[in-house]
Amino acid sequence: MAVPQPRSGVVALVGRPNAGKSTLLNRLLGHKVSIVSNKPQTTRNRIVGILNEPRGQIAFLDTPGIHRPLHKLNVRMMHHVRESFGEADIVALIVDASEAFGKGDEYVIEMLREQKAKQPESKRFVILNKIDLLKKNRLLPMIQQYSGFELFDEIVPLSASSGEGADELATLFFGNLKPGPPTYPTEDFTTQPERFFAAEIIREKVLQNTSDELPYTTAVSVDRFEDDEEKNLIKIWATIVVERESQKPIVIGKRGDMVKRIGTEARLELEAILGAKVYLDLHVGVHESWREDERFLGDLERPLE
């Protein structure tokens, strides 16, 4: 009996903000590569997560939530989405099934129609996420609605948070990819450099701890990153950037307790992920127009020299 050839390809995870793309990626990989928050626009860059198994290799592109851009930051985010369309063998639209279909969803469907016209050879899936929050009698009408768009090769209900349906989805992905060699080293599970990953983990802790007090107008800049392999020690100097002077005390907290908590949580998680001791030095800075500053935005995406 012939052994099936390993398959290889690229799957772009796209959808509106808070649909659960990052949660699904982490679930499929069994590794955390994408930060998660209940705030919109948490994912700002394209995150590459790599699934390696005997069936082959899938490179997942976790993309920012699709929205109409208002700032240069948002324009960059939507550029990452469109770039991912161009690279994908499968475009997987993640939908929050617990939310009613609205104008934002119409906008996404129109984008996918354009993508289909440009790349008819790629496959399109719609993944109805958060079915654990959905009354069962609402699922069938939703499946029928998305089927009616005549855009999708597969419609898959699942819960990324519980894992229900995730294994079946992975099987469908592999089944729709062509046989081929892996694109990335099979020991890798992401292409993100450690410096970028450190900035993202710190930003996740800022989002989690500042709750509703801060909008999503914070960024994290890693100013220095040193890896001492002999001592198994990574030293990170980073700045949490806010837009207004009045926001600094929120991040710093009384007697510095908030920034200390953010630093401790980030350090412990980075030590667990990177397998090394981490020294983390955090500061808080103000840059009123960072979302419009092309140079600053570019520096956030570039690895340190």
Foldseek 3Di string as FASTA:
>chain_A
DDDDFAFEFEEEEAAAFQLCLQLLLCLLQVHRFAFDDNAAFLDQAWWWFWHDDPNHIYTYTYAHGDDDDDALSVVSRVVRVVVSLVRGLEYEYRGALLDDDDPRNVVVLVVLVVSCVVCVNHAYEYEHEPCVNPDPVSVVVVVVVVVVSVRHPYYHYAYSNVCGRSVVVVVVVSVSGDRDHYPDPSVDGTPDDLQLSLQSLLLSLLCVQLPPVAHSQKGKAWPDWDQDPVQLEIETEMEIEHQDPVCQCSCQDDVRPNVVVSQVSSQVVSCVNVVGHYHYHYHYYHDNRLRHDPVNSVNSPDDDD
